[in-house]
């Protein structure tokens, strides 16, 4: 049996002001996200609730500074 393609934390999350995609398939990316969110490895069920308290741009910036991977999800209108 093959392991799952995606880490359980990886995915799209609603923030206080929009949406963000967290990329956590690499161990160091996952660790960066958890550090920024102030969560321990065993607290992954709290990720969505914690992300919901953040502003999307601030969370993206903090995750990237920590060595992680995150991307704000913008509408077409926001990009234009």
PDB file of N, CA and C in Angstrom:
ATOM      1  N   UNK A   1       0.845  -1.182   0.000  1.00  0.00           N
ATOM      2  CA  UNK A   1       0.000   0.000   0.000  1.00  0.00           C
ATOM      3  C   UNK A   1       0.892   1.247   0.000  1.00  0.00           C
ATOM      4  N   UNK A   2       0.551   2.203  -0.818  1.00  0.00           N
ATOM      5  CA  UNK A   2       1.297   3.444  -0.908  1.00  0.00           C
ATOM      6  C   UNK A   2       0.849   4.413   0.192  1.00  0.00           C
ATOM      7  N   UNK A   3       1.770   5.244   0.664  1.00  0.00           N
ATOM      8  CA  UNK A   3       1.374   6.247   1.657  1.00  0.00           C
ATOM      9  C   UNK A   3       0.505   7.313   1.000  1.00  0.00           C
ATOM     10  N   UNK A   4      -0.237   8.071   1.797  1.00  0.00           N
ATOM     11  CA  UNK A   4      -1.069   9.146   1.237  1.00  0.00           C
ATOM     12  C   UNK A   4      -0.201  10.155   0.478  1.00  0.00           C
ATOM     13  N   UNK A   5      -0.757  10.743  -0.583  1.00  0.00           N
ATOM     14  CA  UNK A   5      -0.030  11.738  -1.355  1.00  0.00           C
ATOM     15  C   UNK A   5       0.112  13.061  -0.603  1.00  0.00           C
ATOM     16  N   UNK A   6      -0.850  13.382   0.233  1.00  0.00           N
ATOM     17  CA  UNK A   6      -0.870  14.672   0.912  1.00  0.00           C
ATOM     18  C   UNK A   6      -0.806  14.502   2.417  1.00  0.00           C
ATOM     19  N   UNK A   7      -0.054  15.380   3.040  1.00  0.00           N
ATOM     20  CA  UNK A   7      -0.002  15.445   4.496  1.00  0.00           C
ATOM     21  C   UNK A   7      -1.397  15.817   5.006  1.00  0.00           C
ATOM     22  N   UNK A   8      -1.787  15.345   6.185  1.00  0.00           N
ATOM     23  CA  UNK A   8      -3.128  15.649   6.697  1.00  0.00           C
ATOM     24  C   UNK A   8      -3.413  17.139   6.903  1.00  0.00           C
ATOM     25  N   UNK A   9      -2.372  17.945   7.107  1.00  0.00           N
ATOM     26  CA  UNK A   9      -2.579  19.377   7.308  1.00  0.00           C
ATOM     27  C   UNK A   9      -2.669  20.124   5.980  1.00  0.00           C
ATOM     28  N   UNK A  10      -2.042  19.616   4.942  1.00  0.00           N
ATOM     29  CA  UNK A  10      -2.014  20.307   3.649  1.00  0.00           C
ATOM     30  C   UNK A  10      -3.433  20.556   3.157  1.00  0.00           C
ATOM     31  N   UNK A  11      -3.666  21.773   2.666  1.00  0.00           N
ATOM     32  CA  UNK A  11      -4.982  22.060   2.112  1.00  0.00           C
ATOM     33  C   UNK A  11      -5.344  23.522   2.185  1.00  0.00           C
ATOM     34  N   UNK A  12      -6.595  23.797   1.872  1.00  0.00           N
ATOM     35  CA  UNK A  12      -7.127  25.153   1.840  1.00  0.00           C
ATOM     36  C   UNK A  12      -7.867  25.433   3.142  1.00  0.00           C
ATOM     37  N   UNK A  13      -7.597  26.619   3.708  1.00  0.00           N
ATOM     38  CA  UNK A  13      -8.187  26.990   4.989  1.00  0.00           C
ATOM     39  C   UNK A  13      -8.757  28.397   4.917  1.00  0.00           C
ATOM     40  N   UNK A  14      -9.884  28.581   5.591  1.00  0.00           N
ATOM     41  CA  UNK A  14     -10.473  29.909   5.682  1.00  0.00           C
ATOM     42  C   UNK A  14      -9.771  30.685   6.784  1.00  0.00           C
ATOM     43  N   UNK A  15      -9.380  31.925   6.453  1.00  0.00           N
ATOM     44  CA  UNK A  15      -8.794  32.828   7.427  1.00  0.00           C
ATOM     45  C   UNK A  15      -9.848  33.848   7.839  1.00  0.00           C
ATOM     46  N   UNK A  16      -9.458  34.792   8.660  1.00  0.00           N
ATOM     47  CA  UNK A  16     -10.398  35.828   9.095  1.00  0.00           C
ATOM     48  C   UNK A  16     -10.849  36.711   7.939  1.00  0.00           C
ATOM     49  N   UNK A  17     -10.028  36.761   6.867  1.00  0.00           N
ATOM     50  CA  UNK A  17     -10.361  37.656   5.757  1.00  0.00           C
ATOM     51  C   UNK A  17     -10.255  37.007   4.380  1.00  0.00           C
ATOM     52  N   UNK A  18     -10.311  35.714   4.307  1.00  0.00           N
ATOM     53  CA  UNK A  18     -10.231  35.037   3.008  1.00  0.00           C
ATOM     54  C   UNK A  18      -9.780  33.593   3.146  1.00  0.00           C
ATOM     55  N   UNK A  19      -8.949  33.174   2.202  1.00  0.00           N
ATOM     56  CA  UNK A  19      -8.500  31.783   2.167  1.00  0.00           C
ATOM     57  C   UNK A  19      -6.998  31.709   1.952  1.00  0.00           C
ATOM     58  N   UNK A  20      -6.401  30.621   2.465  1.00  0.00           N
ATOM     59  CA  UNK A  20      -4.975  30.375   2.296  1.00  0.00           C
ATOM     60  C   UNK A  20      -4.770  28.885   2.040  1.00  0.00           C
ATOM     61  N   UNK A  21      -3.767  28.573   1.258  1.00  0.00           N
ATOM     62  CA  UNK A  21      -3.379  27.182   1.031  1.00  0.00           C
ATOM     63  C   UNK A  21      -2.084  26.928   1.792  1.00  0.00           C
ATOM     64  N   UNK A  22      -2.107  25.896   2.625  1.00  0.00           N
ATOM     65  CA  UNK A  22      -0.919  25.493   3.370  1.00  0.00           C
ATOM     66  C   UNK A  22      -0.336  24.241   2.733  1.00  0.00           C
ATOM     67  N   UNK A  23       0.955  24.298   2.459  1.00  0.00           N
ATOM     68  CA  UNK A  23       1.664  23.160   1.873  1.00  0.00           C
ATOM     69  C   UNK A  23       2.535  22.550   2.964  1.00  0.00           C
ATOM     70  N   UNK A  24       2.236  21.333   3.343  1.00  0.00           N
ATOM     71  CA  UNK A  24       2.934  20.730   4.485  1.00  0.00           C
ATOM     72  C   UNK A  24       3.450  19.326   4.188  1.00  0.00           C
ATOM     73  N   UNK A  25       3.644  18.986   2.936  1.00  0.00           N
ATOM     74  CA  UNK A  25       4.100  17.635   2.608  1.00  0.00           C
ATOM     75  C   UNK A  25       5.540  17.377   3.029  1.00  0.00           C
ATOM     76  N   UNK A  26       6.371  18.403   3.057  1.00  0.00           N
ATOM     77  CA  UNK A  26       7.731  18.245   3.577  1.00  0.00           C
ATOM     78  C   UNK A  26       7.705  18.474   5.083  1.00  0.00           C
ATOM     79  N   UNK A  27       8.477  17.703   5.805  1.00  0.00           N
ATOM     80  CA  UNK A  27       8.485  17.786   7.263  1.00  0.00           C
ATOM     81  C   UNK A  27       8.814  19.207   7.733  1.00  0.00           C
ATOM     82  N   UNK A  28       9.767  19.863   7.094  1.00  0.00           N
ATOM     83  CA  UNK A  28      10.145  21.211   7.536  1.00  0.00           C
ATOM     84  C   UNK A  28       9.054  22.241   7.215  1.00  0.00           C
ATOM     85  N   UNK A  29       8.283  22.017   6.160  1.00  0.00           N
ATOM     86  CA  UNK A  29       7.168  22.918   5.867  1.00  0.00           C
ATOM     87  C   UNK A  29       6.064  22.751   6.917  1.00  0.00           C
ATOM     88  N   UNK A  30       5.798  21.508   7.273  1.00  0.00           N
ATOM     89  CA  UNK A  30       4.779  21.236   8.292  1.00  0.00           C
ATOM     90  C   UNK A  30       5.192  21.840   9.630  1.00  0.00           C
ATOM     91  N   UNK A  31       6.455  21.661   9.988  1.00  0.00           N
ATOM     92  CA  UNK A  31       6.959  22.195  11.256  1.00  0.00           C
ATOM     93  C   UNK A  31       6.846  23.718  11.290  1.00  0.00           C
ATOM     94  N   UNK A  32       7.128  24.371  10.170  1.00  0.00           N
ATOM     95  CA  UNK A  32       7.026  25.836  10.103  1.00  0.00           C
ATOM     96  C   UNK A  32       5.589  26.289  10.337  1.00  0.00           C
ATOM     97  N   UNK A  33       4.634  25.640   9.696  1.00  0.00           N
ATOM     98  CA  UNK A  33       3.218  25.998   9.877  1.00  0.00           C
ATOM     99  C   UNK A  33       2.812  25.823  11.337  1.00  0.00           C
ATOM    100  N   UNK A  34       3.183  24.709  11.926  1.00  0.00           N
ATOM    101  CA  UNK A  34       2.804  24.462  13.320  1.00  0.00           C
ATOM    102  C   UNK A  34       3.452  25.472  14.261  1.00  0.00           C
ATOM    103  N   UNK A  35       4.710  25.844  14.008  1.00  0.00           N
ATOM    104  CA  UNK A  35       5.380  26.858  14.835  1.00  0.00           C
ATOM    105  C   UNK A  35       4.638  28.188  14.775  1.00  0.00           C
ATOM    106  N   UNK A  36       4.321  28.614  13.565  1.00  0.00           N
ATOM    107  CA  UNK A  36       3.629  29.899  13.395  1.00  0.00           C
ATOM    108  C   UNK A  36       2.270  29.870  14.085  1.00  0.00           C
ATOM    109  N   UNK A  37       1.576  28.771  13.965  1.00  0.00           N
ATOM    110  CA  UNK A  37       0.249  28.666  14.576  1.00  0.00           C
ATOM    111  C   UNK A  37       0.313  28.419  16.077  1.00  0.00           C
ATOM    112  N   UNK A  38       1.505  28.117  16.581  1.00  0.00           N
ATOM    113  CA  UNK A  38       1.655  27.855  18.014  1.00  0.00           C
ATOM    114  C   UNK A  38       1.071  26.524  18.433  1.00  0.00           C
ATOM    115  N   UNK A  39       1.096  25.562  17.516  1.00  0.00           N
ATOM    116  CA  UNK A  39       0.529  24.234  17.783  1.00  0.00           C
ATOM    117  C   UNK A  39       1.620  23.179  17.834  1.00  0.00           C
ATOM    118  N   UNK A  40       1.402  22.156  18.616  1.00  0.00           N
ATOM    119  CA  UNK A  40       2.308  21.018  18.685  1.00  0.00           C
ATOM    120  C   UNK A  40       1.909  20.002  17.618  1.00  0.00           C
ATOM    121  N   UNK A  41       2.805  19.095  17.320  1.00  0.00           N
ATOM    122  CA  UNK A  41       2.562  18.094  16.278  1.00  0.00           C
ATOM    123  C   UNK A  41       1.266  17.313  16.520  1.00  0.00           C
ATOM    124  N   UNK A  42       0.909  17.066  17.741  1.00  0.00           N
ATOM    125  CA  UNK A  42      -0.295  16.304  18.044  1.00  0.00           C
ATOM    126  C   UNK A  42      -1.581  17.112  18.033  1.00  0.00           C
ATOM    127  N   UNK A  43      -1.494  18.384  17.717  1.00  0.00           N
ATOM    128  CA  UNK A  43      -2.670  19.255  17.763  1.00  0.00           C
ATOM    129  C   UNK A  43      -3.199  19.605  16.374  1.00  0.00           C
ATOM    130  N   UNK A  44      -3.008  18.722  15.419  1.00  0.00           N
ATOM    131  CA  UNK A  44      -3.390  19.033  14.043  1.00  0.00           C
ATOM    132  C   UNK A  44      -4.892  19.260  13.870  1.00  0.00           C
ATOM    133  N   UNK A  45      -5.706  18.740  14.751  1.00  0.00           N
ATOM    134  CA  UNK A  45      -7.151  18.958  14.638  1.00  0.00           C
ATOM    135  C   UNK A  45      -7.521  20.405  14.946  1.00  0.00           C
ATOM    136  N   UNK A  46      -6.591  21.167  15.504  1.00  0.00           N
ATOM    137  CA  UNK A  46      -6.847  22.570  15.844  1.00  0.00           C
ATOM    138  C   UNK A  46      -6.387  23.531  14.753  1.00  0.00           C
ATOM    139  N   UNK A  47      -5.812  23.013  13.676  1.00  0.00           N
ATOM    140  CA  UNK A  47      -5.261  23.876  12.631  1.00  0.00           C
ATOM    141  C   UNK A  47      -6.332  24.791  12.039  1.00  0.00           C
ATOM    142  N   UNK A  48      -7.453  24.257  11.608  1.00  0.00           N
ATOM    143  CA  UNK A  48      -8.488  25.069  10.952  1.00  0.00           C
ATOM    144  C   UNK A  48      -8.996  26.178  11.864  1.00  0.00           C
ATOM    145  N   UNK A  49      -9.256  25.863  13.108  1.00  0.00           N
ATOM    146  CA  UNK A  49      -9.758  26.870  14.047  1.00  0.00           C
ATOM    147  C   UNK A  49      -8.719  27.957  14.295  1.00  0.00           C
ATOM    148  N   UNK A  50      -7.462  27.576  14.358  1.00  0.00           N
ATOM    149  CA  UNK A  50      -6.402  28.544  14.599  1.00  0.00           C
ATOM    150  C   UNK A  50      -6.175  29.412  13.369  1.00  0.00           C
ATOM    151  N   UNK A  51      -6.147  28.812  12.193  1.00  0.00           N
ATOM    152  CA  UNK A  51      -5.977  29.573  10.952  1.00  0.00           C
ATOM    153  C   UNK A  51      -7.096  30.604  10.812  1.00  0.00           C
ATOM    154  N   UNK A  52      -8.292  30.262  11.217  1.00  0.00           N
ATOM    155  CA  UNK A  52      -9.449  31.157  11.081  1.00  0.00           C
ATOM    156  C   UNK A  52      -9.286  32.453  11.866  1.00  0.00           C
ATOM    157  N   UNK A  53      -8.357  32.506  12.795  1.00  0.00           N
ATOM    158  CA  UNK A  53      -8.148  33.714  13.592  1.00  0.00           C
ATOM    159  C   UNK A  53      -7.123  34.654  12.959  1.00  0.00           C
ATOM    160  N   UNK A  54      -6.453  34.220  11.922  1.00  0.00           N
ATOM    161  CA  UNK A  54      -5.380  34.996  11.279  1.00  0.00           C
ATOM    162  C   UNK A  54      -5.887  35.776  10.069  1.00  0.00           C
ATOM    163  N   UNK A  55      -5.211  36.893   9.767  1.00  0.00           N
ATOM    164  CA  UNK A  55      -5.369  37.590   8.498  1.00  0.00           C
ATOM    165  C   UNK A  55      -4.522  36.822   7.482  1.00  0.00           C
ATOM    166  N   UNK A  56      -5.026  36.615   6.299  1.00  0.00           N
ATOM    167  CA  UNK A  56      -4.374  35.738   5.330  1.00  0.00           C
ATOM    168  C   UNK A  56      -2.970  36.196   4.930  1.00  0.00           C
ATOM    169  N   UNK A  57      -2.778  37.482   4.665  1.00  0.00           N
ATOM    170  CA  UNK A  57      -1.455  37.966   4.249  1.00  0.00           C
ATOM    171  C   UNK A  57      -0.428  37.825   5.368  1.00  0.00           C
ATOM    172  N   UNK A  58      -0.831  38.106   6.587  1.00  0.00           N
ATOM    173  CA  UNK A  58       0.063  37.978   7.727  1.00  0.00           C
ATOM    174  C   UNK A  58       0.476  36.522   7.927  1.00  0.00           C
ATOM    175  N   UNK A  59      -0.478  35.611   7.836  1.00  0.00           N
ATOM    176  CA  UNK A  59      -0.155  34.191   8.008  1.00  0.00           C
ATOM    177  C   UNK A  59       0.779  33.711   6.909  1.00  0.00           C
ATOM    178  N   UNK A  60       0.487  34.074   5.671  1.00  0.00           N
ATOM    179  CA  UNK A  60       1.358  33.682   4.563  1.00  0.00           C
ATOM    180  C   UNK A  60       2.781  34.181   4.813  1.00  0.00           C
ATOM    181  N   UNK A  61       2.931  35.434   5.166  1.00  0.00           N
ATOM    182  CA  UNK A  61       4.256  36.010   5.398  1.00  0.00           C
ATOM    183  C   UNK A  61       4.994  35.310   6.529  1.00  0.00           C
ATOM    184  N   UNK A  62       4.313  35.074   7.615  1.00  0.00           N
ATOM    185  CA  UNK A  62       4.953  34.439   8.780  1.00  0.00           C
ATOM    186  C   UNK A  62       5.377  33.017   8.472  1.00  0.00           C
ATOM    187  N   UNK A  63       4.533  32.268   7.766  1.00  0.00           N
ATOM    188  CA  UNK A  63       4.895  30.883   7.406  1.00  0.00           C
ATOM    189  C   UNK A  63       6.124  30.880   6.508  1.00  0.00           C
ATOM    190  N   UNK A  64       6.162  31.753   5.521  1.00  0.00           N
ATOM    191  CA  UNK A  64       7.299  31.809   4.597  1.00  0.00           C
ATOM    192  C   UNK A  64       8.576  32.207   5.335  1.00  0.00           C
ATOM    193  N   UNK A  65       8.496  33.186   6.216  1.00  0.00           N
ATOM    194  CA  UNK A  65       9.669  33.601   6.997  1.00  0.00           C
ATOM    195  C   UNK A  65      10.196  32.437   7.840  1.00  0.00           C
ATOM    196  N   UNK A  66       9.305  31.588   8.311  1.00  0.00           N
ATOM    197  CA  UNK A  66       9.694  30.434   9.116  1.00  0.00           C
ATOM    198  C   UNK A  66      10.233  29.280   8.278  1.00  0.00           C
ATOM    199  N   UNK A  67      10.245  29.445   6.952  1.00  0.00           N
ATOM    200  CA  UNK A  67      10.762  28.389   6.085  1.00  0.00           C
ATOM    201  C   UNK A  67       9.693  27.451   5.561  1.00  0.00           C
ATOM    202  N   UNK A  68       8.438  27.836   5.723  1.00  0.00           N
ATOM    203  CA  UNK A  68       7.339  27.016   5.253  1.00  0.00           C
ATOM    204  C   UNK A  68       6.825  27.473   3.901  1.00  0.00           C
ATOM    205  N   UNK A  69       5.730  26.853   3.481  1.00  0.00           N
ATOM    206  CA  UNK A  69       5.131  27.168   2.189  1.00  0.00           C
ATOM    207  C   UNK A  69       3.635  27.410   2.387  1.00  0.00           C
ATOM    208  N   UNK A  70       3.208  28.617   2.006  1.00  0.00           N
ATOM    209  CA  UNK A  70       1.797  28.995   2.108  1.00  0.00           C
ATOM    210  C   UNK A  70       1.495  29.984   0.998  1.00  0.00           C
ATOM    211  N   UNK A  71       0.258  29.999   0.549  1.00  0.00           N
ATOM    212  CA  UNK A  71      -0.122  30.910  -0.520  1.00  0.00           C
ATOM    213  C   UNK A  71      -1.537  31.423  -0.284  1.00  0.00           C
ATOM    214  N   UNK A  72      -1.650  32.753  -0.253  1.00  0.00           N
ATOM    215  CA  UNK A  72      -2.971  33.370  -0.159  1.00  0.00           C
ATOM    216  C   UNK A  72      -3.736  33.037  -1.433  1.00  0.00           C
ATOM    217  N   UNK A  73      -4.992  32.715  -1.291  1.00  0.00           N
ATOM    218  CA  UNK A  73      -5.850  32.425  -2.441  1.00  0.00           C
ATOM    219  C   UNK A  73      -6.659  33.684  -2.738  1.00  0.00           C
ATOM    220  N   UNK A  74      -6.394  34.259  -3.896  1.00  0.00           N
ATOM    221  CA  UNK A  74      -7.055  35.505  -4.285  1.00  0.00           C
ATOM    222  C   UNK A  74      -8.066  35.256  -5.398  1.00  0.00           C
ATOM    223  N   UNK A  75      -9.073  36.097  -5.404  1.00  0.00           N
ATOM    224  CA  UNK A  75     -10.042  36.020  -6.492  1.00  0.00           C
ATOM    225  C   UNK A  75      -9.424  36.633  -7.746  1.00  0.00           C
ATOM    226  N   UNK A  76     -10.036  36.392  -8.872  1.00  0.00           N
ATOM    227  CA  UNK A  76      -9.567  36.980 -10.125  1.00  0.00           C
ATOM    228  C   UNK A  76      -9.567  38.501 -10.010  1.00  0.00           C
ATOM    229  N   UNK A  77     -10.621  39.027  -9.411  1.00  0.00           N
ATOM    230  CA  UNK A  77     -10.716  40.464  -9.228  1.00  0.00           C
ATOM    231  C   UNK A  77      -9.581  41.030  -8.389  1.00  0.00           C
ATOM    232  N   UNK A  78      -9.193  40.326  -7.365  1.00  0.00           N
ATOM    233  CA  UNK A  78      -8.074  40.780  -6.532  1.00  0.00           C
ATOM    234  C   UNK A  78      -6.771  40.773  -7.311  1.00  0.00           C
ATOM    235  N   UNK A  79      -6.582  39.802  -8.175  1.00  0.00           N
ATOM    236  CA  UNK A  79      -5.359  39.757  -8.974  1.00  0.00           C
ATOM    237  C   UNK A  79      -5.347  40.886  -9.993  1.00  0.00           C
ATOM    238  N   UNK A  80      -6.515  41.199 -10.554  1.00  0.00           N
ATOM    239  CA  UNK A  80      -6.575  42.271 -11.555  1.00  0.00           C
ATOM    240  C   UNK A  80      -6.357  43.612 -10.893  1.00  0.00           C
TER     241      UNK A  80
END
